Structure formats: C-alpha cells, structure tokens
C-alpha cells in the first residue's frame, strides 16, 4: 500500500485531498509500479490511498479524511 498524505491549515485553496490531481495520480501509479518491479512483486495486489489532513493554527489535526483506493487506473 502507498499512502499519499496531504495537509493544509485551511480550505482557502480547497481540501487537502483535492491536491491529488491527474498529474499526481500518474506519478503515484508510476512509483507503485517501479517499487513492485524493483521488489519482484508485480503480481502482488497494491492500492494507493490518500489521507487529507486539516490543521489548526497550532498544527493539531482537526479533520482527517482517509480515501481508500483513491488512485485507480483512470
């Protein structure tokens, strides 16, 4: 499993998980395939999750959104 963690101190530019755009999803898929190839695990199931964190002014987590299988073969 690969987990992409995004954190923000506000939602002025959107939620943290929204930062995982098409370009980032492509990079994550490439990373996963490179890792699986290097470790001889091409046939092993793997998923990519996204964890979006909102932080307050003291950097304490006020919201945690876990999106399972956030990156698919689109």
C-alpha atoms as a PDB file:
ATOM      1  CA  UNK A   1       0.000   0.000   0.000  1.00  0.00           C
ATOM      2  CA  UNK A   2       1.111   3.515  -0.790  1.00  0.00           C
ATOM      3  CA  UNK A   3      -0.380   6.400   1.171  1.00  0.00           C
ATOM      4  CA  UNK A   4      -0.208   9.980  -0.104  1.00  0.00           C
ATOM      5  CA  UNK A   5      -0.629  12.407   2.803  1.00  0.00           C
ATOM      6  CA  UNK A   6      -1.738  15.976   2.135  1.00  0.00           C
ATOM      7  CA  UNK A   7      -2.092  18.558   4.895  1.00  0.00           C
ATOM      8  CA  UNK A   8      -3.388  22.132   4.903  1.00  0.00           C
ATOM      9  CA  UNK A   9      -4.031  24.798   7.503  1.00  0.00           C
ATOM     10  CA  UNK A  10      -7.182  25.991   5.784  1.00  0.00           C
ATOM     11  CA  UNK A  11      -9.514  25.318   2.896  1.00  0.00           C
ATOM     12  CA  UNK A  12      -8.974  28.601   1.040  1.00  0.00           C
ATOM     13  CA  UNK A  13      -7.473  26.750  -1.906  1.00  0.00           C
ATOM     14  CA  UNK A  14      -9.501  23.571  -1.443  1.00  0.00           C
ATOM     15  CA  UNK A  15      -9.387  20.466   0.670  1.00  0.00           C
ATOM     16  CA  UNK A  16      -6.005  18.749   1.033  1.00  0.00           C
ATOM     17  CA  UNK A  17      -7.091  15.597  -0.783  1.00  0.00           C
ATOM     18  CA  UNK A  18      -8.138  17.694  -3.795  1.00  0.00           C
ATOM     19  CA  UNK A  19      -4.431  18.387  -4.415  1.00  0.00           C
ATOM     20  CA  UNK A  20      -4.038  14.836  -5.727  1.00  0.00           C
ATOM     21  CA  UNK A  21      -4.740  15.779  -9.319  1.00  0.00           C
ATOM     22  CA  UNK A  22      -4.292  13.776 -12.524  1.00  0.00           C
ATOM     23  CA  UNK A  23      -0.560  14.510 -12.709  1.00  0.00           C
ATOM     24  CA  UNK A  24      -0.018  13.417  -9.104  1.00  0.00           C
ATOM     25  CA  UNK A  25      -2.094  10.247  -9.595  1.00  0.00           C
ATOM     26  CA  UNK A  26       0.038   9.353 -12.626  1.00  0.00           C
ATOM     27  CA  UNK A  27       3.219   9.852 -10.579  1.00  0.00           C
ATOM     28  CA  UNK A  28       1.861   7.699  -7.764  1.00  0.00           C
ATOM     29  CA  UNK A  29       0.961   4.893 -10.173  1.00  0.00           C
ATOM     30  CA  UNK A  30       4.452   5.089 -11.693  1.00  0.00           C
ATOM     31  CA  UNK A  31       6.006   4.986  -8.218  1.00  0.00           C
ATOM     32  CA  UNK A  32       3.926   1.936  -7.309  1.00  0.00           C
ATOM     33  CA  UNK A  33       4.872   0.074 -10.491  1.00  0.00           C
ATOM     34  CA  UNK A  34       8.560   0.945 -10.081  1.00  0.00           C
ATOM     35  CA  UNK A  35       8.521  -0.323  -6.499  1.00  0.00           C
ATOM     36  CA  UNK A  36       6.679  -3.520  -7.432  1.00  0.00           C
ATOM     37  CA  UNK A  37       9.132  -4.195 -10.260  1.00  0.00           C
ATOM     38  CA  UNK A  38      12.211  -3.498  -8.117  1.00  0.00           C
ATOM     39  CA  UNK A  39      10.968  -5.797  -5.364  1.00  0.00           C
ATOM     40  CA  UNK A  40       9.719  -8.522  -7.749  1.00  0.00           C
ATOM     41  CA  UNK A  41       6.116  -8.041  -6.597  1.00  0.00           C
ATOM     42  CA  UNK A  42       4.422  -7.297  -9.923  1.00  0.00           C
ATOM     43  CA  UNK A  43       1.611  -9.753  -9.222  1.00  0.00           C
ATOM     44  CA  UNK A  44       1.009  -8.666  -5.643  1.00  0.00           C
ATOM     45  CA  UNK A  45      -2.138  -6.558  -5.174  1.00  0.00           C
ATOM     46  CA  UNK A  46      -1.436  -2.991  -4.191  1.00  0.00           C
ATOM     47  CA  UNK A  47      -3.556   0.085  -3.644  1.00  0.00           C
ATOM     48  CA  UNK A  48      -2.937   3.802  -3.314  1.00  0.00           C
ATOM     49  CA  UNK A  49      -4.781   5.664  -0.557  1.00  0.00           C
ATOM     50  CA  UNK A  50      -4.943   9.389   0.140  1.00  0.00           C
ATOM     51  CA  UNK A  51      -5.005  10.907   3.615  1.00  0.00           C
ATOM     52  CA  UNK A  52      -6.195  14.522   3.776  1.00  0.00           C
ATOM     53  CA  UNK A  53      -5.455  16.431   6.983  1.00  0.00           C
ATOM     54  CA  UNK A  54      -6.733  19.832   8.060  1.00  0.00           C
ATOM     55  CA  UNK A  55      -4.636  21.519  10.719  1.00  0.00           C
ATOM     56  CA  UNK A  56      -5.387  24.355  13.119  1.00  0.00           C
ATOM     57  CA  UNK A  57      -3.027  27.259  13.913  1.00  0.00           C
ATOM     58  CA  UNK A  58      -1.128  25.037  16.354  1.00  0.00           C
ATOM     59  CA  UNK A  59      -0.741  22.309  13.693  1.00  0.00           C
ATOM     60  CA  UNK A  60      -3.128  19.984  15.516  1.00  0.00           C
ATOM     61  CA  UNK A  61      -5.238  17.807  13.234  1.00  0.00           C
ATOM     62  CA  UNK A  62      -8.854  18.991  13.132  1.00  0.00           C
ATOM     63  CA  UNK A  63     -10.027  16.766  10.260  1.00  0.00           C
ATOM     64  CA  UNK A  64      -8.712  13.525   8.823  1.00  0.00           C
ATOM     65  CA  UNK A  65     -10.153  12.092   5.599  1.00  0.00           C
ATOM     66  CA  UNK A  66      -8.932   8.644   4.536  1.00  0.00           C
ATOM     67  CA  UNK A  67      -9.782   7.742   0.951  1.00  0.00           C
ATOM     68  CA  UNK A  68      -9.144   4.077   0.275  1.00  0.00           C
ATOM     69  CA  UNK A  69      -8.199   3.138  -3.305  1.00  0.00           C
ATOM     70  CA  UNK A  70      -8.117   6.829  -4.190  1.00  0.00           C
ATOM     71  CA  UNK A  71      -5.929   6.272  -7.230  1.00  0.00           C
ATOM     72  CA  UNK A  72      -7.155   3.839  -9.848  1.00  0.00           C
ATOM     73  CA  UNK A  73      -6.164   3.152 -13.445  1.00  0.00           C
ATOM     74  CA  UNK A  74      -8.046   6.084 -14.997  1.00  0.00           C
END
